[in-house]
Amino acid sequence: MIDDFEDGLGVACSFCHAEQKGSHKLDYASDAKPEKSIARNMMRMTLKLNARYFQVHRPGLGDPGLVITCATCHQGKPRPDLSAEGQ
């Protein structure tokens, strides 16, 4: 599942996870970085899309049956390219 984020967004864990104070270790429990909250919302969105429109029953992150994933929009970039939106 972690590889899905790295591949889909082209980022490392530190993109969403803050470092522990006085250390370069990641504090996975911390919600200090806004990117972590955004990622949670995006994960919920992809699971809902898969369940509602693609009938993926009880979808889970990293499930190989998911039709919509992070990579669907991000295509390996930290922020999706919205320039093609509406075309």
Protein backbone atom coordinates (compact mmCIF):
# COMPACT_ATOMS: atom_id res chain seq x y z
CA MET A 1 0.00 0.00 0.00
CA ILE A 2 2.81 2.45 0.83
CA ASP A 3 4.27 1.85 -2.62
CA ASP A 4 0.94 3.01 -4.08
CA PHE A 5 1.52 6.46 -2.61
CA GLU A 6 5.14 6.60 -3.72
CA ASP A 7 4.27 5.45 -7.24
CA GLY A 8 1.00 7.37 -7.58
CA LEU A 9 2.30 10.69 -6.27
CA GLY A 10 6.04 10.32 -6.81
CA VAL A 11 6.77 11.26 -3.19
CA ALA A 12 8.45 9.80 -0.12
CA CYS A 13 6.82 9.26 3.28
CA SER A 14 8.08 12.64 4.50
CA PHE A 15 5.72 14.37 2.05
CA CYS A 16 2.79 13.68 4.43
CA HIS A 17 4.49 12.67 7.68
CA ALA A 18 6.24 15.18 9.94
CA GLU A 19 9.61 14.56 11.52
CA GLN A 20 9.96 13.96 15.24
CA LYS A 21 11.32 17.01 17.03
CA GLY A 22 15.10 16.86 17.34
CA SER A 23 15.32 13.92 14.99
CA HIS A 24 15.06 13.03 11.33
CA LYS A 25 12.78 10.10 12.16
CA LEU A 26 9.19 10.36 11.01
CA ASP A 27 6.40 10.80 13.53
CA TYR A 28 3.68 8.73 11.87
CA ALA A 29 1.11 9.58 14.57
CA SER A 30 1.52 13.33 14.12
CA ASP A 31 -1.08 15.30 12.20
CA ALA A 32 1.18 18.36 11.97
CA LYS A 33 1.41 18.41 8.17
CA PRO A 34 -1.71 19.45 6.24
CA GLU A 35 -0.76 17.03 3.46
CA LYS A 36 -1.65 14.15 5.77
CA SER A 37 -5.22 15.41 6.21
CA ILE A 38 -5.54 16.02 2.48
CA ALA A 39 -4.30 12.48 1.79
CA ARG A 40 -6.88 11.02 4.17
CA ASN A 41 -9.66 12.89 2.37
CA MET A 42 -8.38 11.75 -1.02
CA MET A 43 -8.22 8.13 0.18
CA ARG A 44 -11.84 8.32 1.35
CA MET A 45 -12.82 9.84 -1.98
CA THR A 46 -11.18 7.09 -4.06
CA LEU A 47 -12.76 4.36 -1.93
CA LYS A 48 -16.21 5.97 -2.33
CA LEU A 49 -15.76 6.33 -6.09
CA ASN A 50 -14.73 2.69 -6.43
CA ALA A 51 -17.69 1.50 -4.37
CA ARG A 52 -20.30 3.77 -5.95
CA TYR A 53 -19.37 3.75 -9.63
CA PHE A 54 -17.39 0.54 -10.07
CA GLN A 55 -19.19 -1.72 -7.59
CA VAL A 56 -15.97 -2.62 -5.80
CA HIS A 57 -17.50 -4.17 -2.69
CA ARG A 58 -15.77 -3.34 0.58
CA PRO A 59 -12.85 -1.58 -1.13
CA GLY A 60 -9.62 -1.30 0.81
CA LEU A 61 -6.52 0.75 0.18
CA GLY A 62 -4.02 -1.18 -1.88
CA ASP A 63 -6.71 -3.57 -3.13
CA PRO A 64 -5.68 -4.69 -6.64
CA GLY A 65 -9.35 -4.51 -7.71
CA LEU A 66 -9.54 -0.74 -7.31
CA VAL A 67 -10.32 1.10 -10.54
CA ILE A 68 -9.63 4.60 -9.17
CA THR A 69 -6.33 5.03 -7.31
CA CYS A 70 -4.04 7.93 -6.44
CA ALA A 71 -2.29 7.44 -9.79
CA THR A 72 -5.54 7.97 -11.71
CA CYS A 73 -5.31 11.73 -11.17
CA HIS A 74 -1.80 12.28 -9.87
CA GLN A 75 0.05 10.23 -12.50
CA GLY A 76 3.26 10.21 -10.45
CA LYS A 77 3.11 13.90 -9.45
CA PRO A 78 2.55 15.32 -5.95
CA ARG A 79 -0.22 17.55 -7.26
CA PRO A 80 -2.52 16.51 -10.11
CA ASP A 81 -2.37 18.42 -13.36
CA LEU A 82 -5.68 20.28 -13.52
CA SER A 83 -4.92 22.09 -16.78
CA ALA A 84 -6.84 19.47 -18.78
CA GLU A 85 -9.91 19.76 -16.52
CA GLY A 86 -13.10 20.50 -18.38
CA GLN A 87 -11.78 19.53 -21.81
